[in-house]
Amino acid sequence: MNIIGAGGHAKVIMDILMSRDVKISGIWDDNKNLREFFGFKILGDILSLENENLKDSIIAIGNNKVRKRIADQLDISFGLAIHPKSWISPSAELGEGTVVMSNVSVNAEVSIGKHVILNTNASIDHDCKIDNFVHISPQVGLAGNIEIGEGAHIGIGACIIPGIKIGKWAIVGAGTVVIRDVPDYAVVFGNPGRIVKYNPI
C-alpha cells in the first residue's frame, strides 16, 4: 500500500495497515525536505505516484478539500484501511480510499462513499448515507437514516438525531447536537446546533 501524505493522520493509517500485516511500499509527499517518515522512505512527490503504475494507495490527509483535490488529480486505484477492532456490518458498503479507525461501528445498510474518514470511536447507525470526502471525527454519534453530503466535516463528539440531512461541505462543530437539517456550506455550533456562518464555495 502506498501512503499519500506525511503527517499525523498518515501515522494512524500506517498503524492500521501494519496491524493487518499490509505491506507499506513507501510514502509520497510534496515536502522536498522530507526523506523519511515514520520509518519509511519518501519515494517522491504526490503526482509522480501516477507514473509508477502502482496499485492500492491511501490519501492519508485529513483535510477534506485537499483529499478531494489529490483524488481528482490522480488516475490510480485506491485501497481501504480498516482497523481490526472496528465493526462493519456485512450489509454496509464502503467506497475506495476510505479509512475506518479503531472502535468504529458501522451498522446495517450504511453506505459510505469514497475517501471518507471514520475516526476513532465513531458510531454510524443503520441506513445512513455518507458521501465522498466526508470526515466523521472521533466520538461522533450518528443515529439512523442520516444523510451527509460531500466534503462535510462532523466535529469531535457531535451528535446527530435520526433522519437529519447535512449539506455538502458543511461543518458541524465539536460537541454540537444537530436536531434540524444543515444546509450546504453552513457552519453549525452549539446545543442545539445553530448556523453561525457559511463557508465560501
Protein backbone atom coordinates (compact mmCIF):
# COMPACT_ATOMS: atom_id res chain seq x y z
CA MET A 1 0.00 0.00 0.00
CA ASN A 2 1.26 3.48 -0.88
CA ILE A 3 0.68 6.28 1.61
CA ILE A 4 -0.01 9.73 0.18
CA GLY A 5 0.88 12.40 2.71
CA ALA A 6 3.30 12.51 5.63
CA GLY A 7 1.56 13.92 8.70
CA GLY A 8 -0.12 12.82 11.90
CA HIS A 9 -3.13 11.36 10.10
CA ALA A 10 -0.79 9.22 7.99
CA LYS A 11 0.77 7.73 11.13
CA VAL A 12 -2.63 6.46 12.31
CA ILE A 13 -3.39 4.95 8.91
CA MET A 14 0.00 3.28 8.78
CA ASP A 15 -0.61 1.77 12.23
CA ILE A 16 -3.91 0.36 10.94
CA LEU A 17 -2.26 -1.20 7.89
CA MET A 18 0.61 -2.67 9.88
CA SER A 19 -1.85 -4.16 12.38
CA ARG A 20 -3.32 -6.08 9.44
CA ASP A 21 0.12 -7.07 8.08
CA VAL A 22 -0.42 -4.94 4.98
CA LYS A 23 2.90 -4.10 3.35
CA ILE A 24 3.60 -0.37 3.10
CA SER A 25 5.54 0.29 -0.09
CA GLY A 26 6.50 3.84 0.73
CA ILE A 27 5.38 7.40 1.35
CA TRP A 28 4.64 10.07 -1.25
CA ASP A 29 4.68 13.70 -0.16
CA ASP A 30 5.36 17.12 -1.70
CA ASN A 31 7.65 18.27 1.13
CA LYS A 32 11.07 18.16 -0.55
CA ASN A 33 12.84 18.39 2.83
CA LEU A 34 11.46 15.02 3.95
CA ARG A 35 13.45 11.91 3.11
CA GLU A 36 11.93 9.55 5.64
CA PHE A 37 8.71 9.38 7.63
CA PHE A 38 7.65 7.02 10.43
CA GLY A 39 10.46 4.66 9.47
CA PHE A 40 9.63 4.57 5.75
CA LYS A 41 11.35 6.19 2.78
CA ILE A 42 9.76 9.12 0.96
CA LEU A 43 9.62 7.89 -2.65
CA GLY A 44 8.68 11.11 -4.40
CA ASP A 45 6.14 13.89 -4.74
CA ILE A 46 2.44 13.05 -4.85
CA LEU A 47 1.73 13.50 -8.57
CA SER A 48 4.75 11.36 -9.54
CA LEU A 49 2.97 8.38 -7.97
CA GLU A 50 0.76 8.15 -11.05
CA ASN A 51 3.79 7.42 -13.26
CA GLU A 52 4.75 4.40 -11.16
CA ASN A 53 1.64 2.39 -12.12
CA LEU A 54 1.32 1.18 -8.55
CA LYS A 55 -1.89 -0.21 -7.06
CA ASP A 56 -3.75 0.39 -3.81
CA SER A 57 -2.92 3.75 -2.34
CA ILE A 58 -4.48 5.72 0.52
CA ILE A 59 -4.65 9.51 0.67
CA ALA A 60 -3.60 9.94 4.29
CA ILE A 61 -4.55 13.61 4.62
CA GLY A 62 -7.26 14.79 7.00
CA ASN A 63 -8.24 17.95 5.12
CA ASN A 64 -11.30 17.07 3.01
CA LYS A 65 -10.63 19.62 0.25
CA VAL A 66 -7.01 18.55 -0.14
CA ARG A 67 -8.02 14.89 -0.20
CA LYS A 68 -10.52 15.60 -2.98
CA ARG A 69 -8.03 17.65 -4.99
CA ILE A 70 -5.46 14.85 -4.89
CA ALA A 71 -8.02 12.16 -5.74
CA ASP A 72 -9.20 14.22 -8.71
CA GLN A 73 -5.63 14.64 -9.96
CA LEU A 74 -4.52 11.02 -9.71
CA ASP A 75 -5.72 8.29 -12.06
CA ILE A 76 -4.79 5.35 -9.82
CA SER A 77 -6.56 2.71 -7.76
CA PHE A 78 -7.19 3.21 -4.06
CA GLY A 79 -7.47 0.66 -1.29
CA LEU A 80 -9.10 0.61 2.14
CA ALA A 81 -7.66 0.89 5.65
CA ILE A 82 -9.93 -0.80 8.20
CA HIS A 83 -8.84 -1.24 11.80
CA PRO A 84 -9.23 -4.83 13.06
CA LYS A 85 -11.03 -3.54 16.17
CA SER A 86 -13.83 -1.87 14.20
CA TRP A 87 -17.27 -3.33 13.42
CA ILE A 88 -18.66 -3.07 9.89
CA SER A 89 -21.99 -4.69 9.08
CA PRO A 90 -21.87 -7.19 6.20
CA SER A 91 -24.67 -5.16 4.57
CA ALA A 92 -22.69 -1.88 4.68
CA GLU A 93 -20.87 -0.54 1.61
CA LEU A 94 -17.53 1.30 1.69
CA GLY A 95 -16.06 3.26 -1.21
CA GLU A 96 -12.42 3.13 -2.24
CA GLY A 97 -9.87 5.12 -0.28
CA THR A 98 -11.97 5.07 2.88
CA VAL A 99 -10.37 4.75 6.32
CA VAL A 100 -12.07 3.15 9.35
CA MET A 101 -10.24 3.64 12.64
CA SER A 102 -10.36 1.72 15.91
CA ASN A 103 -13.66 1.05 17.71
CA VAL A 104 -15.80 2.46 14.90
CA SER A 105 -19.23 0.86 14.48
CA VAL A 106 -20.91 0.84 11.05
CA ASN A 107 -24.34 -0.73 11.23
CA ALA A 108 -26.80 -2.29 8.77
CA GLU A 109 -27.36 -0.88 5.26
CA VAL A 110 -24.97 2.04 5.73
CA SER A 111 -23.50 3.50 2.53
CA ILE A 112 -20.07 5.14 2.77
CA GLY A 113 -18.60 7.00 -0.20
CA LYS A 114 -15.02 7.32 -1.44
CA HIS A 115 -12.12 8.74 0.59
CA VAL A 116 -14.18 9.04 3.77
CA ILE A 117 -12.58 9.15 7.23
CA LEU A 118 -14.46 7.36 10.02
CA ASN A 119 -12.39 8.35 13.01
CA THR A 120 -11.81 6.66 16.37
CA ASN A 121 -14.92 5.55 18.34
CA ALA A 122 -17.42 6.97 15.84
CA SER A 123 -20.83 5.27 15.69
CA ILE A 124 -22.76 5.14 12.41
CA ASP A 125 -26.25 3.69 12.83
CA HIS A 126 -28.46 1.92 10.27
CA ASP A 127 -29.30 3.30 6.81
CA CYS A 128 -27.00 6.32 6.95
CA LYS A 129 -25.64 7.64 3.65
CA ILE A 130 -22.26 9.36 3.78
CA ASP A 131 -20.99 10.95 0.56
CA ASN A 132 -17.40 11.23 -0.72
CA PHE A 133 -14.62 13.09 1.15
CA VAL A 134 -16.51 13.34 4.44
CA HIS A 135 -14.67 13.30 7.78
CA ILE A 136 -16.53 11.84 10.77
CA SER A 137 -14.38 12.82 13.77
CA PRO A 138 -13.71 10.80 16.94
CA GLN A 139 -16.63 10.09 19.29
CA VAL A 140 -19.28 11.24 16.78
CA GLY A 141 -22.71 9.62 17.11
CA LEU A 142 -24.88 9.37 14.01
CA ALA A 143 -28.38 7.99 14.58
CA GLY A 144 -30.25 6.13 11.82
CA ASN A 145 -31.22 7.43 8.36
CA ILE A 146 -28.84 10.40 8.32
CA GLU A 147 -27.51 11.78 5.03
CA ILE A 148 -24.21 13.63 4.92
CA GLY A 149 -23.19 15.50 1.76
CA GLU A 150 -19.84 15.57 0.01
CA GLY A 151 -16.93 17.04 1.93
CA ALA A 152 -18.79 17.71 5.16
CA HIS A 153 -16.84 17.67 8.42
CA ILE A 154 -18.52 16.41 11.59
CA GLY A 155 -16.50 17.61 14.58
CA ILE A 156 -15.36 15.56 17.55
CA GLY A 157 -18.13 14.41 19.88
CA ALA A 158 -21.01 15.76 17.77
CA CYS A 159 -24.40 14.01 17.94
CA ILE A 160 -26.98 13.97 15.15
CA ILE A 161 -30.57 12.79 15.67
CA PRO A 162 -32.32 10.39 13.21
CA GLY A 163 -33.32 11.46 9.72
CA ILE A 164 -31.19 14.62 9.52
CA LYS A 165 -29.57 15.82 6.28
CA ILE A 166 -26.19 17.55 6.45
CA GLY A 167 -25.35 19.53 3.31
CA LYS A 168 -22.19 19.30 1.22
CA TRP A 169 -19.06 20.95 2.63
CA ALA A 170 -20.91 21.85 5.82
CA ILE A 171 -19.10 21.89 9.18
CA VAL A 172 -20.66 20.61 12.39
CA GLY A 173 -18.61 21.89 15.32
CA ALA A 174 -17.19 19.82 18.15
CA GLY A 175 -19.82 18.71 20.65
CA THR A 176 -22.69 20.08 18.59
CA VAL A 177 -26.13 18.45 18.87
CA VAL A 178 -27.86 18.58 15.49
CA ILE A 179 -31.68 18.44 15.63
CA ARG A 180 -32.51 20.03 12.27
CA ASP A 181 -31.18 19.82 8.72
CA VAL A 182 -27.96 21.70 7.90
CA PRO A 183 -27.73 23.48 4.51
CA ASP A 184 -24.79 23.21 2.10
CA TYR A 185 -21.67 25.10 3.27
CA ALA A 186 -23.20 26.01 6.65
CA VAL A 187 -21.13 26.05 9.84
CA VAL A 188 -23.14 24.87 12.86
CA PHE A 189 -22.22 25.03 16.55
CA GLY A 190 -23.93 24.54 19.90
CA ASN A 191 -26.63 22.58 21.68
CA PRO A 192 -28.91 22.67 19.86
CA GLY A 193 -26.83 23.38 16.77
CA ARG A 194 -27.30 26.78 15.15
CA ILE A 195 -25.86 28.19 11.94
CA VAL A 196 -23.12 30.70 12.75
CA LYS A 197 -21.89 31.39 9.21
CA TYR A 198 -21.46 29.91 5.74
CA ASN A 199 -18.20 28.70 4.24
CA PRO A 200 -17.11 30.25 0.94
CA ILE A 201 -17.64 27.91 -2.01
